[in-house]
């Protein structure tokens, strides 16, 4: 049994490095003009769910996070930013493409059982229509979660992750009911951090190199460590999880851009 999912906003993370030598070689007046142009562009994009962050460590200097209803809109954001004069002094360290995803382990069991009781053959046209009808109701109910707004919290932590598919441990060969219980227990840990950490999971299977992207926001970055540390002891993470590169940064308001670059 394949767990059903709900998808919503498409997401693009852009991790950028500043070409400091070329940037500092510019006259101050030119730098100020380029910063003003970029700040105005970001201010125009923010209401459509774009946010900028100044990052810690060597992996990148800035990160731009975009949520949009379609991939086409994400592409337009990329092109619009690439046309800015400031972009000549930035380089992409990496990027990540995904879509907001809500896994429906518990709901899947209920939906399949209900449809089975109707005597519909699995994957037949009536069966598929019945599943889609129920998913439609779920989409309406879960709209705020699958089409989220970017939280105003000060700090962000982003990382990609996979489920193991090796010879010894393979998440996708674990029976559905076992995975359902494991995911329930895993989710209960996150719920204990409600109000302290805001989490958005995006699916990237078929879109990028990992299977999921995880965004965490908080006003205290120490909560990232506490949450992820506790989850390390949970069976889903301890046995079946593989983690990519973590990046951490702070929200950068458009009127703060000059303070970072000039």
C-alpha atoms as a PDB file:
ATOM      1  CA  UNK A   1       0.000   0.000   0.000  1.00  0.00           C
ATOM      2  CA  UNK A   2       1.484   3.336  -1.073  1.00  0.00           C
ATOM      3  CA  UNK A   3       0.742   6.199   1.357  1.00  0.00           C
ATOM      4  CA  UNK A   4      -1.207   9.011  -0.233  1.00  0.00           C
ATOM      5  CA  UNK A   5       0.170  12.558  -0.188  1.00  0.00           C
ATOM      6  CA  UNK A   6      -1.172  16.057  -0.596  1.00  0.00           C
ATOM      7  CA  UNK A   7       0.906  18.563  -2.528  1.00  0.00           C
ATOM      8  CA  UNK A   8       0.672  22.349  -2.457  1.00  0.00           C
ATOM      9  CA  UNK A   9       3.120  25.157  -3.069  1.00  0.00           C
ATOM     10  CA  UNK A  10       6.244  24.552  -5.082  1.00  0.00           C
ATOM     11  CA  UNK A  11       9.459  25.590  -3.342  1.00  0.00           C
ATOM     12  CA  UNK A  12      12.834  26.849  -4.479  1.00  0.00           C
ATOM     13  CA  UNK A  13      15.797  27.402  -2.171  1.00  0.00           C
ATOM     14  CA  UNK A  14      18.704  29.383  -3.643  1.00  0.00           C
ATOM     15  CA  UNK A  15      21.981  29.305  -1.687  1.00  0.00           C
ATOM     16  CA  UNK A  16      24.251  32.122  -2.845  1.00  0.00           C
ATOM     17  CA  UNK A  17      27.844  33.180  -2.338  1.00  0.00           C
ATOM     18  CA  UNK A  18      28.896  36.819  -2.631  1.00  0.00           C
ATOM     19  CA  UNK A  19      31.858  37.440  -4.948  1.00  0.00           C
ATOM     20  CA  UNK A  20      33.446  39.705  -2.386  1.00  0.00           C
ATOM     21  CA  UNK A  21      36.572  40.672  -4.351  1.00  0.00           C
ATOM     22  CA  UNK A  22      34.585  41.864  -7.361  1.00  0.00           C
ATOM     23  CA  UNK A  23      31.955  43.465  -5.144  1.00  0.00           C
ATOM     24  CA  UNK A  24      34.427  45.447  -3.027  1.00  0.00           C
ATOM     25  CA  UNK A  25      36.189  46.633  -6.170  1.00  0.00           C
ATOM     26  CA  UNK A  26      33.075  48.610  -7.152  1.00  0.00           C
ATOM     27  CA  UNK A  27      32.685  52.263  -6.256  1.00  0.00           C
ATOM     28  CA  UNK A  28      30.490  52.799  -3.224  1.00  0.00           C
ATOM     29  CA  UNK A  29      27.922  54.730  -5.257  1.00  0.00           C
ATOM     30  CA  UNK A  30      27.567  51.792  -7.668  1.00  0.00           C
ATOM     31  CA  UNK A  31      27.222  49.306  -4.800  1.00  0.00           C
ATOM     32  CA  UNK A  32      24.523  51.416  -3.188  1.00  0.00           C
ATOM     33  CA  UNK A  33      22.570  51.613  -6.450  1.00  0.00           C
ATOM     34  CA  UNK A  34      22.726  47.830  -6.971  1.00  0.00           C
ATOM     35  CA  UNK A  35      21.639  47.165  -3.382  1.00  0.00           C
ATOM     36  CA  UNK A  36      18.691  49.547  -3.729  1.00  0.00           C
ATOM     37  CA  UNK A  37      17.590  47.824  -6.937  1.00  0.00           C
ATOM     38  CA  UNK A  38      17.833  44.376  -5.327  1.00  0.00           C
ATOM     39  CA  UNK A  39      16.073  45.477  -2.141  1.00  0.00           C
ATOM     40  CA  UNK A  40      13.176  46.903  -4.163  1.00  0.00           C
ATOM     41  CA  UNK A  41      12.892  43.664  -6.149  1.00  0.00           C
ATOM     42  CA  UNK A  42      12.880  41.509  -2.998  1.00  0.00           C
ATOM     43  CA  UNK A  43      10.325  43.793  -1.347  1.00  0.00           C
ATOM     44  CA  UNK A  44       8.044  43.297  -4.363  1.00  0.00           C
ATOM     45  CA  UNK A  45       8.503  39.508  -4.175  1.00  0.00           C
ATOM     46  CA  UNK A  46       7.983  39.101  -0.419  1.00  0.00           C
ATOM     47  CA  UNK A  47       4.149  39.241  -0.471  1.00  0.00           C
ATOM     48  CA  UNK A  48       4.152  36.329  -2.934  1.00  0.00           C
ATOM     49  CA  UNK A  49       6.118  34.265  -0.370  1.00  0.00           C
ATOM     50  CA  UNK A  50       9.788  35.050  -0.830  1.00  0.00           C
ATOM     51  CA  UNK A  51      12.198  35.542   2.053  1.00  0.00           C
ATOM     52  CA  UNK A  52      15.911  36.339   2.275  1.00  0.00           C
ATOM     53  CA  UNK A  53      18.336  35.080   4.920  1.00  0.00           C
ATOM     54  CA  UNK A  54      21.927  35.880   5.810  1.00  0.00           C
ATOM     55  CA  UNK A  55      23.692  32.601   6.475  1.00  0.00           C
ATOM     56  CA  UNK A  56      26.298  31.354   8.919  1.00  0.00           C
ATOM     57  CA  UNK A  57      29.366  29.331   7.958  1.00  0.00           C
ATOM     58  CA  UNK A  58      31.172  28.786   4.674  1.00  0.00           C
ATOM     59  CA  UNK A  59      28.465  26.983   2.700  1.00  0.00           C
ATOM     60  CA  UNK A  60      26.724  30.135   1.477  1.00  0.00           C
ATOM     61  CA  UNK A  61      26.358  33.813   2.348  1.00  0.00           C
ATOM     62  CA  UNK A  62      22.701  34.303   1.478  1.00  0.00           C
ATOM     63  CA  UNK A  63      19.684  32.061   0.999  1.00  0.00           C
ATOM     64  CA  UNK A  64      16.497  32.976  -0.818  1.00  0.00           C
ATOM     65  CA  UNK A  65      13.400  30.885  -0.133  1.00  0.00           C
ATOM     66  CA  UNK A  66      10.453  31.023  -2.520  1.00  0.00           C
ATOM     67  CA  UNK A  67       7.047  29.336  -2.317  1.00  0.00           C
ATOM     68  CA  UNK A  68       4.784  29.610  -5.355  1.00  0.00           C
ATOM     69  CA  UNK A  69       1.635  27.918  -6.659  1.00  0.00           C
ATOM     70  CA  UNK A  70       3.344  26.595  -9.809  1.00  0.00           C
ATOM     71  CA  UNK A  71       6.799  25.705 -11.088  1.00  0.00           C
ATOM     72  CA  UNK A  72       6.336  28.268 -13.849  1.00  0.00           C
ATOM     73  CA  UNK A  73       6.089  30.996 -11.230  1.00  0.00           C
ATOM     74  CA  UNK A  74       9.289  29.770  -9.588  1.00  0.00           C
ATOM     75  CA  UNK A  75      11.033  29.970 -12.941  1.00  0.00           C
ATOM     76  CA  UNK A  76       9.827  33.547 -13.385  1.00  0.00           C
ATOM     77  CA  UNK A  77      11.258  34.428  -9.961  1.00  0.00           C
ATOM     78  CA  UNK A  78      14.610  32.928 -10.947  1.00  0.00           C
ATOM     79  CA  UNK A  79      14.704  34.886 -14.192  1.00  0.00           C
ATOM     80  CA  UNK A  80      13.633  38.127 -12.531  1.00  0.00           C
ATOM     81  CA  UNK A  81      16.388  37.874  -9.946  1.00  0.00           C
ATOM     82  CA  UNK A  82      18.998  36.879 -12.535  1.00  0.00           C
ATOM     83  CA  UNK A  83      18.341  40.152 -14.377  1.00  0.00           C
ATOM     84  CA  UNK A  84      19.340  42.234 -11.346  1.00  0.00           C
ATOM     85  CA  UNK A  85      22.669  44.002 -11.463  1.00  0.00           C
ATOM     86  CA  UNK A  86      23.568  42.544  -8.068  1.00  0.00           C
ATOM     87  CA  UNK A  87      23.312  39.019  -9.520  1.00  0.00           C
ATOM     88  CA  UNK A  88      26.585  39.583 -11.401  1.00  0.00           C
ATOM     89  CA  UNK A  89      28.279  39.598  -7.994  1.00  0.00           C
ATOM     90  CA  UNK A  90      26.578  36.491  -6.672  1.00  0.00           C
ATOM     91  CA  UNK A  91      27.056  32.831  -7.536  1.00  0.00           C
ATOM     92  CA  UNK A  92      24.844  29.879  -6.737  1.00  0.00           C
ATOM     93  CA  UNK A  93      26.483  27.544  -4.241  1.00  0.00           C
ATOM     94  CA  UNK A  94      23.538  25.185  -4.701  1.00  0.00           C
ATOM     95  CA  UNK A  95      19.765  25.176  -4.991  1.00  0.00           C
ATOM     96  CA  UNK A  96      16.872  22.917  -4.090  1.00  0.00           C
ATOM     97  CA  UNK A  97      13.562  22.321  -5.890  1.00  0.00           C
ATOM     98  CA  UNK A  98      10.621  20.658  -4.138  1.00  0.00           C
ATOM     99  CA  UNK A  99       6.901  20.882  -3.390  1.00  0.00           C
ATOM    100  CA  UNK A 100       5.147  21.197  -0.045  1.00  0.00           C
ATOM    101  CA  UNK A 101       4.049  17.695   0.890  1.00  0.00           C
ATOM    102  CA  UNK A 102       1.753  16.322   3.560  1.00  0.00           C
ATOM    103  CA  UNK A 103       1.933  12.566   4.087  1.00  0.00           C
ATOM    104  CA  UNK A 104      -1.363  10.853   4.834  1.00  0.00           C
ATOM    105  CA  UNK A 105      -0.399   7.584   6.478  1.00  0.00           C
ATOM    106  CA  UNK A 106      -3.373   7.339   8.831  1.00  0.00           C
ATOM    107  CA  UNK A 107      -5.807   8.814   6.308  1.00  0.00           C
ATOM    108  CA  UNK A 108      -4.604   6.400   3.611  1.00  0.00           C
ATOM    109  CA  UNK A 109      -5.643   3.395   5.677  1.00  0.00           C
ATOM    110  CA  UNK A 110      -9.099   4.845   6.276  1.00  0.00           C
ATOM    111  CA  UNK A 111      -9.615   5.827   2.637  1.00  0.00           C
ATOM    112  CA  UNK A 112      -8.531   2.452   1.275  1.00  0.00           C
ATOM    113  CA  UNK A 113     -10.659   0.571   3.785  1.00  0.00           C
ATOM    114  CA  UNK A 114     -13.718   2.681   3.003  1.00  0.00           C
ATOM    115  CA  UNK A 115     -13.310   2.185  -0.746  1.00  0.00           C
ATOM    116  CA  UNK A 116     -12.676  -1.519  -0.299  1.00  0.00           C
ATOM    117  CA  UNK A 117     -15.973  -1.813   1.557  1.00  0.00           C
ATOM    118  CA  UNK A 118     -17.656  -0.361  -1.531  1.00  0.00           C
ATOM    119  CA  UNK A 119     -16.385  -3.344  -3.516  1.00  0.00           C
ATOM    120  CA  UNK A 120     -14.298  -1.258  -5.934  1.00  0.00           C
ATOM    121  CA  UNK A 121     -11.337  -2.899  -7.614  1.00  0.00           C
ATOM    122  CA  UNK A 122      -8.047  -1.257  -6.698  1.00  0.00           C
ATOM    123  CA  UNK A 123      -6.720   1.112  -9.400  1.00  0.00           C
ATOM    124  CA  UNK A 124      -9.878   0.776 -11.487  1.00  0.00           C
ATOM    125  CA  UNK A 125     -11.376   4.024 -12.794  1.00  0.00           C
ATOM    126  CA  UNK A 126     -14.135   4.111 -10.117  1.00  0.00           C
ATOM    127  CA  UNK A 127     -11.540   3.366  -7.423  1.00  0.00           C
ATOM    128  CA  UNK A 128      -9.244   6.149  -8.664  1.00  0.00           C
ATOM    129  CA  UNK A 129     -12.175   8.589  -8.815  1.00  0.00           C
ATOM    130  CA  UNK A 130     -13.188   7.720  -5.246  1.00  0.00           C
ATOM    131  CA  UNK A 131      -9.638   8.272  -3.993  1.00  0.00           C
ATOM    132  CA  UNK A 132      -9.366  11.611  -5.798  1.00  0.00           C
ATOM    133  CA  UNK A 133     -12.719  12.733  -4.395  1.00  0.00           C
ATOM    134  CA  UNK A 134     -11.508  12.094  -0.862  1.00  0.00           C
ATOM    135  CA  UNK A 135      -8.180  13.769  -1.547  1.00  0.00           C
ATOM    136  CA  UNK A 136     -10.083  16.793  -2.815  1.00  0.00           C
ATOM    137  CA  UNK A 137     -11.832  17.078   0.537  1.00  0.00           C
ATOM    138  CA  UNK A 138      -8.492  16.698   2.307  1.00  0.00           C
ATOM    139  CA  UNK A 139      -6.920  19.444   0.169  1.00  0.00           C
ATOM    140  CA  UNK A 140      -9.612  21.908   1.175  1.00  0.00           C
ATOM    141  CA  UNK A 141      -9.277  21.028   4.845  1.00  0.00           C
ATOM    142  CA  UNK A 142      -5.469  21.174   4.764  1.00  0.00           C
ATOM    143  CA  UNK A 143      -5.092  24.214   2.496  1.00  0.00           C
ATOM    144  CA  UNK A 144      -3.310  26.367   5.135  1.00  0.00           C
ATOM    145  CA  UNK A 145      -0.724  23.621   5.620  1.00  0.00           C
ATOM    146  CA  UNK A 146      -0.027  22.806   1.983  1.00  0.00           C
ATOM    147  CA  UNK A 147      -0.060  26.449   0.883  1.00  0.00           C
ATOM    148  CA  UNK A 148       1.844  27.964   3.809  1.00  0.00           C
ATOM    149  CA  UNK A 149       3.127  31.448   4.406  1.00  0.00           C
ATOM    150  CA  UNK A 150       6.790  31.838   5.264  1.00  0.00           C
ATOM    151  CA  UNK A 151       7.022  32.276   9.054  1.00  0.00           C
ATOM    152  CA  UNK A 152       8.365  35.517  10.484  1.00  0.00           C
ATOM    153  CA  UNK A 153      10.671  33.716  12.920  1.00  0.00           C
ATOM    154  CA  UNK A 154      14.208  35.085  13.110  1.00  0.00           C
ATOM    155  CA  UNK A 155      16.160  31.875  12.360  1.00  0.00           C
ATOM    156  CA  UNK A 156      15.944  29.193   9.669  1.00  0.00           C
ATOM    157  CA  UNK A 157      17.468  25.726   9.337  1.00  0.00           C
ATOM    158  CA  UNK A 158      17.222  23.825   6.055  1.00  0.00           C
ATOM    159  CA  UNK A 159      18.405  20.326   5.163  1.00  0.00           C
ATOM    160  CA  UNK A 160      17.543  17.582   2.673  1.00  0.00           C
ATOM    161  CA  UNK A 161      16.993  13.960   3.662  1.00  0.00           C
ATOM    162  CA  UNK A 162      16.338  10.458   2.346  1.00  0.00           C
ATOM    163  CA  UNK A 163      14.957   7.195   3.653  1.00  0.00           C
ATOM    164  CA  UNK A 164      17.429   4.316   3.450  1.00  0.00           C
ATOM    165  CA  UNK A 165      17.118   1.901   0.548  1.00  0.00           C
ATOM    166  CA  UNK A 166      20.150  -0.316   1.219  1.00  0.00           C
ATOM    167  CA  UNK A 167      20.499  -4.080   1.339  1.00  0.00           C
ATOM    168  CA  UNK A 168      20.180  -4.148   5.116  1.00  0.00           C
ATOM    169  CA  UNK A 169      17.619  -1.432   5.830  1.00  0.00           C
ATOM    170  CA  UNK A 170      15.088  -0.424   3.196  1.00  0.00           C
ATOM    171  CA  UNK A 171      12.281   1.902   4.290  1.00  0.00           C
ATOM    172  CA  UNK A 172      10.247   1.150   1.181  1.00  0.00           C
ATOM    173  CA  UNK A 173      10.114  -2.556   1.969  1.00  0.00           C
ATOM    174  CA  UNK A 174       8.797  -2.070   5.501  1.00  0.00           C
ATOM    175  CA  UNK A 175       5.105  -3.118   5.680  1.00  0.00           C
ATOM    176  CA  UNK A 176       2.681  -0.205   5.453  1.00  0.00           C
ATOM    177  CA  UNK A 177       1.179  -0.677   8.923  1.00  0.00           C
ATOM    178  CA  UNK A 178       4.653  -0.679  10.482  1.00  0.00           C
ATOM    179  CA  UNK A 179       5.625   2.477   8.620  1.00  0.00           C
ATOM    180  CA  UNK A 180       2.359   4.093   9.694  1.00  0.00           C
ATOM    181  CA  UNK A 181       3.129   3.450  13.370  1.00  0.00           C
ATOM    182  CA  UNK A 182       6.728   4.608  13.022  1.00  0.00           C
ATOM    183  CA  UNK A 183       5.670   7.835  11.326  1.00  0.00           C
ATOM    184  CA  UNK A 184       3.036   8.452  13.987  1.00  0.00           C
ATOM    185  CA  UNK A 185       5.611   8.108  16.753  1.00  0.00           C
ATOM    186  CA  UNK A 186       8.036  10.271  14.782  1.00  0.00           C
ATOM    187  CA  UNK A 187       5.427  12.989  14.330  1.00  0.00           C
ATOM    188  CA  UNK A 188       4.618  13.075  18.029  1.00  0.00           C
ATOM    189  CA  UNK A 189       8.122  14.315  18.753  1.00  0.00           C
ATOM    190  CA  UNK A 190       7.643  17.284  16.441  1.00  0.00           C
ATOM    191  CA  UNK A 191       4.336  18.152  18.054  1.00  0.00           C
ATOM    192  CA  UNK A 192       6.079  18.635  21.398  1.00  0.00           C
ATOM    193  CA  UNK A 193       7.949  21.539  19.838  1.00  0.00           C
ATOM    194  CA  UNK A 194       4.815  23.306  18.575  1.00  0.00           C
ATOM    195  CA  UNK A 195       5.072  27.035  19.148  1.00  0.00           C
ATOM    196  CA  UNK A 196       8.854  26.838  19.438  1.00  0.00           C
ATOM    197  CA  UNK A 197       9.645  25.473  15.963  1.00  0.00           C
ATOM    198  CA  UNK A 198       7.679  25.790  12.737  1.00  0.00           C
ATOM    199  CA  UNK A 199       8.352  22.968  10.284  1.00  0.00           C
ATOM    200  CA  UNK A 200       7.502  22.671   6.596  1.00  0.00           C
ATOM    201  CA  UNK A 201       8.274  19.435   4.745  1.00  0.00           C
ATOM    202  CA  UNK A 202       8.687  19.521   0.983  1.00  0.00           C
ATOM    203  CA  UNK A 203       8.852  16.483  -1.285  1.00  0.00           C
ATOM    204  CA  UNK A 204      11.552  16.356  -3.946  1.00  0.00           C
ATOM    205  CA  UNK A 205      11.344  12.857  -5.409  1.00  0.00           C
ATOM    206  CA  UNK A 206      11.716  13.402  -9.136  1.00  0.00           C
ATOM    207  CA  UNK A 207      12.640  17.067  -8.601  1.00  0.00           C
ATOM    208  CA  UNK A 208      16.031  17.022  -6.887  1.00  0.00           C
ATOM    209  CA  UNK A 209      18.774  14.740  -5.582  1.00  0.00           C
ATOM    210  CA  UNK A 210      17.179  13.959  -2.217  1.00  0.00           C
ATOM    211  CA  UNK A 211      13.665  12.780  -1.349  1.00  0.00           C
ATOM    212  CA  UNK A 212      12.588  15.557   1.012  1.00  0.00           C
ATOM    213  CA  UNK A 213      13.613  19.026   2.068  1.00  0.00           C
ATOM    214  CA  UNK A 214      13.016  20.188   5.638  1.00  0.00           C
ATOM    215  CA  UNK A 215      12.645  23.815   6.698  1.00  0.00           C
ATOM    216  CA  UNK A 216      12.651  24.713  10.382  1.00  0.00           C
ATOM    217  CA  UNK A 217      12.019  28.215  11.732  1.00  0.00           C
ATOM    218  CA  UNK A 218      12.380  29.489  15.289  1.00  0.00           C
ATOM    219  CA  UNK A 219      13.176  32.607  17.299  1.00  0.00           C
ATOM    220  CA  UNK A 220      15.794  30.590  19.183  1.00  0.00           C
ATOM    221  CA  UNK A 221      18.185  28.496  17.025  1.00  0.00           C
ATOM    222  CA  UNK A 222      18.925  26.186  19.945  1.00  0.00           C
ATOM    223  CA  UNK A 223      15.508  24.592  19.388  1.00  0.00           C
ATOM    224  CA  UNK A 224      16.792  23.228  16.054  1.00  0.00           C
ATOM    225  CA  UNK A 225      19.472  21.271  17.864  1.00  0.00           C
ATOM    226  CA  UNK A 226      17.111  20.050  20.572  1.00  0.00           C
ATOM    227  CA  UNK A 227      14.437  18.883  18.115  1.00  0.00           C
ATOM    228  CA  UNK A 228      16.800  17.154  15.687  1.00  0.00           C
ATOM    229  CA  UNK A 229      18.809  15.630  18.543  1.00  0.00           C
ATOM    230  CA  UNK A 230      15.689  14.102  20.082  1.00  0.00           C
ATOM    231  CA  UNK A 231      14.571  12.775  16.717  1.00  0.00           C
ATOM    232  CA  UNK A 232      17.934  11.016  16.309  1.00  0.00           C
ATOM    233  CA  UNK A 233      16.767   8.575  18.991  1.00  0.00           C
ATOM    234  CA  UNK A 234      13.477   7.889  17.210  1.00  0.00           C
ATOM    235  CA  UNK A 235      13.481   4.690  15.143  1.00  0.00           C
ATOM    236  CA  UNK A 236      12.502   6.422  11.897  1.00  0.00           C
ATOM    237  CA  UNK A 237      15.605   8.621  12.078  1.00  0.00           C
ATOM    238  CA  UNK A 238      17.952   6.257  13.913  1.00  0.00           C
ATOM    239  CA  UNK A 239      17.376   3.332  11.551  1.00  0.00           C
ATOM    240  CA  UNK A 240      16.021   4.677   8.265  1.00  0.00           C
ATOM    241  CA  UNK A 241      17.120   8.320   7.819  1.00  0.00           C
ATOM    242  CA  UNK A 242      19.976   9.806   5.795  1.00  0.00           C
ATOM    243  CA  UNK A 243      20.647  13.520   6.160  1.00  0.00           C
ATOM    244  CA  UNK A 244      22.187  15.965   3.707  1.00  0.00           C
ATOM    245  CA  UNK A 245      23.937  19.270   4.317  1.00  0.00           C
ATOM    246  CA  UNK A 246      22.490  21.571   6.977  1.00  0.00           C
ATOM    247  CA  UNK A 247      22.449  25.350   6.550  1.00  0.00           C
ATOM    248  CA  UNK A 248      21.426  27.876   9.206  1.00  0.00           C
ATOM    249  CA  UNK A 249      20.765  31.590   8.937  1.00  0.00           C
ATOM    250  CA  UNK A 250      18.853  34.650  10.044  1.00  0.00           C
ATOM    251  CA  UNK A 251      15.977  36.491   8.390  1.00  0.00           C
ATOM    252  CA  UNK A 252      17.155  39.419   6.311  1.00  0.00           C
ATOM    253  CA  UNK A 253      14.631  42.186   5.839  1.00  0.00           C
ATOM    254  CA  UNK A 254      14.943  44.114   2.609  1.00  0.00           C
ATOM    255  CA  UNK A 255      15.974  47.292   4.432  1.00  0.00           C
ATOM    256  CA  UNK A 256      18.802  45.299   6.067  1.00  0.00           C
ATOM    257  CA  UNK A 257      20.380  44.233   2.769  1.00  0.00           C
ATOM    258  CA  UNK A 258      22.678  47.263   2.672  1.00  0.00           C
ATOM    259  CA  UNK A 259      23.970  46.416   6.128  1.00  0.00           C
ATOM    260  CA  UNK A 260      25.160  43.040   4.865  1.00  0.00           C
ATOM    261  CA  UNK A 261      26.613  44.144   1.538  1.00  0.00           C
ATOM    262  CA  UNK A 262      27.858  47.697   2.097  1.00  0.00           C
END
